[in-house]
Protein backbone atom coordinates (compact mmCIF):
# COMPACT_ATOMS: atom_id res chain seq x y z
CA MET A 1 109.00 254.28 74.64
CA LEU A 2 109.71 258.19 75.50
CA ILE A 3 113.39 258.76 76.45
CA GLU A 4 113.99 262.30 78.19
CA ARG A 5 116.89 264.03 79.57
CA LEU A 6 116.28 264.01 83.95
CA ASP A 7 117.04 267.18 85.20
CA PRO A 8 116.91 267.08 89.02
CA GLY A 9 118.01 270.43 89.93
CA PRO A 10 120.96 272.48 91.55
CA ASP A 11 121.00 270.04 94.58
CA HIS A 12 121.03 266.81 92.51
CA ALA A 13 117.56 265.36 94.30
CA LEU A 14 114.92 264.09 92.94
CA PRO A 15 111.29 264.55 93.35
CA GLY A 16 109.91 261.97 96.03
CA GLU A 17 107.61 259.85 93.47
CA LEU A 18 110.28 259.66 90.82
CA LEU A 19 112.78 258.95 92.81
CA THR A 20 110.69 256.10 94.13
CA GLU A 21 110.07 254.76 90.61
CA VAL A 22 114.09 255.07 89.89
CA THR A 23 114.72 252.98 93.45
CA GLU A 24 112.16 250.33 92.38
CA LEU A 25 114.50 250.29 88.84
CA TYR A 26 117.06 249.80 91.22
CA ALA A 27 116.11 247.18 93.12
CA SER A 28 114.89 244.61 90.46
CA ASN A 29 118.37 244.86 89.14
CA ARG A 30 119.27 242.59 92.07
CA GLU A 31 121.72 240.74 90.27
CA PHE A 32 123.75 243.30 88.52
CA PHE A 33 124.28 244.69 92.00
CA ALA A 34 125.06 241.67 93.61
CA LEU A 35 128.09 241.36 91.04
CA SER A 36 128.92 245.08 91.36
CA GLY A 37 128.91 245.55 95.12
CA ASP A 38 127.53 249.52 94.69
CA PHE A 39 124.78 248.28 97.72
CA PRO A 40 125.62 247.05 101.10
CA ASP A 41 122.51 244.73 100.39
CA PRO A 42 121.54 244.02 96.88
CA ASP A 43 118.41 242.57 98.20
CA ALA A 44 117.26 245.84 100.55
CA ILE A 45 118.24 248.77 98.43
CA THR A 46 116.60 252.04 100.14
CA THR A 47 115.66 255.02 98.76
CA GLU A 48 118.12 257.12 100.57
CA GLN A 49 120.96 254.95 98.80
CA VAL A 50 119.41 255.50 95.41
CA ALA A 51 119.18 259.15 95.87
CA ALA A 52 122.50 259.13 97.63
CA ALA A 53 124.68 257.71 94.58
CA LEU A 54 122.50 259.40 91.85
CA ALA A 55 123.31 262.68 93.64
CA ASP A 56 127.11 261.91 93.73
CA ASP A 57 126.77 260.86 90.32
CA LEU A 58 125.32 263.54 88.81
CA ALA A 59 127.66 265.87 90.95
CA ARG A 60 130.04 264.98 88.68
CA PRO A 61 131.15 267.60 85.63
CA GLU A 62 129.56 267.38 82.81
CA SER A 63 127.35 264.45 84.43
CA GLU A 64 123.80 263.85 82.54
CA ALA A 65 120.95 261.50 83.45
CA PHE A 66 118.31 259.86 80.55
CA LEU A 67 115.11 258.06 81.71
CA ALA A 68 112.96 255.61 79.42
CA ARG A 69 109.07 255.38 79.80
CA ALA A 70 107.07 252.52 78.57
CA GLY A 71 103.35 252.15 79.73
CA GLY A 72 103.98 255.45 81.79
CA ARG A 73 106.70 253.84 84.19
CA VAL A 74 109.95 253.90 84.31
CA VAL A 75 112.02 251.23 82.33
CA ALA A 76 115.49 252.28 82.16
CA LEU A 77 118.39 255.05 83.25
CA ALA A 78 121.31 256.31 81.63
CA LEU A 79 123.86 257.82 83.11
CA THR A 80 126.64 259.69 81.27
CA THR A 81 129.49 261.67 81.66
CA ALA A 82 131.04 264.13 78.98
CA ARG A 83 134.56 264.05 79.73
CA HIS A 84 136.21 261.33 81.57
CA PRO A 85 138.58 262.22 84.30
CA ASP A 86 142.05 261.49 82.77
CA PRO A 87 142.65 264.66 80.39
CA ALA A 88 143.60 261.78 77.92
CA ASP A 89 140.96 260.26 76.88
CA PRO A 90 138.95 262.45 74.21
CA ASP A 91 135.53 260.63 74.27
CA PRO A 92 132.38 261.03 76.32
CA TRP A 93 131.46 257.95 78.82
CA LEU A 94 127.95 256.02 79.70
CA GLY A 95 128.53 255.44 83.33
CA LEU A 96 125.36 253.43 83.93
CA LEU A 97 122.48 251.90 82.40
CA LEU A 98 119.86 250.14 84.24
CA VAL A 99 117.06 248.31 82.44
CA ASP A 100 113.93 247.05 84.54
CA ALA A 101 114.91 243.44 85.17
CA ARG A 102 111.20 242.35 84.72
CA THR A 103 111.34 244.14 81.43
CA HIS A 104 114.72 242.98 80.19
CA ARG A 105 114.78 241.98 76.42
CA ALA A 106 112.01 244.47 75.50
CA GLY A 107 114.54 246.67 73.39
CA HIS A 108 114.39 248.96 76.19
CA GLY A 109 118.10 248.86 76.68
CA ARG A 110 119.17 249.14 73.00
CA ALA A 111 116.74 251.89 72.61
CA THR A 112 118.11 253.72 75.64
CA ALA A 113 121.72 252.79 74.25
CA ARG A 114 120.82 254.44 71.02
CA ALA A 115 119.12 257.51 72.39
CA VAL A 116 122.64 258.33 74.54
CA GLU A 117 124.58 257.47 71.38
CA ASP A 118 121.93 260.34 69.32
CA HIS A 119 121.90 263.05 71.98
CA PHE A 120 126.58 262.55 71.63
CA ARG A 121 126.17 262.40 67.99
CA ALA A 122 124.23 265.66 67.87
CA ALA A 123 126.58 267.19 70.09
CA GLY A 124 129.87 266.59 67.35
CA ARG A 125 131.17 263.43 69.30
CA THR A 126 132.46 260.61 67.86
CA ALA A 127 132.62 257.87 69.90
CA LEU A 128 130.97 256.62 73.30
CA ARG A 129 133.06 254.40 75.61
CA LEU A 130 131.57 252.54 78.67
CA ALA A 131 133.52 249.93 81.58
CA VAL A 132 131.61 246.41 82.00
CA LEU A 133 132.59 244.19 84.95
CA GLU A 134 134.81 241.41 84.30
CA ASN A 135 132.19 239.35 86.30
CA ASN A 136 129.45 240.39 84.26
CA PRO A 137 129.22 238.07 81.16
CA LYS A 138 125.58 238.88 80.40
CA GLY A 139 126.70 242.63 80.41
CA LEU A 140 129.46 242.13 77.89
CA ALA A 141 127.48 240.24 75.48
CA PHE A 142 125.13 243.09 75.61
CA TRP A 143 127.67 245.68 74.80
CA THR A 144 129.01 243.74 72.01
CA ALA A 145 125.95 243.02 70.30
CA LEU A 146 125.46 246.47 69.80
CA GLY A 147 128.93 246.96 68.35
CA TYR A 148 130.99 248.05 71.44
CA ARG A 149 134.74 246.57 71.28
CA GLU A 150 137.06 246.04 73.62
CA ILE A 151 140.05 248.68 73.63
CA ALA A 152 141.63 248.27 77.27
CA ARG A 153 141.36 246.34 80.54
CA ARG A 154 141.49 248.39 83.64
CA LYS A 155 140.02 249.45 87.43
CA ASP A 156 137.20 251.14 87.70
CA LEU A 157 137.90 254.70 89.13
CA ASP A 158 135.75 254.35 91.91
CA LEU A 159 135.92 250.61 93.81
CA GLY A 160 139.20 249.36 92.21
CA ARG A 161 136.76 246.84 89.95
CA ASP A 162 138.44 244.96 87.28
CA CYS A 163 136.67 246.04 83.98
CA ARG A 164 136.93 245.70 79.91
CA VAL A 165 136.70 249.31 78.58
CA LEU A 166 134.78 249.12 75.64
CA ARG A 167 133.96 251.97 72.95
CA ARG A 168 131.87 252.70 69.73
CA GLU A 169 132.58 255.10 66.69
CA LEU A 170 129.13 256.84 66.45
């Protein structure tokens, strides 16, 4: 599997073919998006919606995206930020990890998460945080299996959803 940093350019737009692949990745995760409410209809996620969501995420200061490819196709996407808006929070955050639902349990999520951890470790960071929606027990099981531990419960910044904040020492 190849994991690469995504550089969408100054307007945060992806080239058409890549945007189509990433939209397919998002659309394969119907179950997650039904839980999250990020898209109005999780059964009809469009390239325009994905482009807008990515542009918003990547417009945040110190945000980065990573793509994982296997067999020449996109199998995972990770969105990170090096600094949380709360100045008291010292850790970088993994804001989203999407794995092509058709390839769940093939190790792509674990490998992508480890690559993100390695990226921040190489930058001298000592821990990584993320938030899991309260209504996402599969996500919580995945992250705790990777060694992340709950440190808080709070609302997310975007939509006010109940979340568990997890942290892992790097």
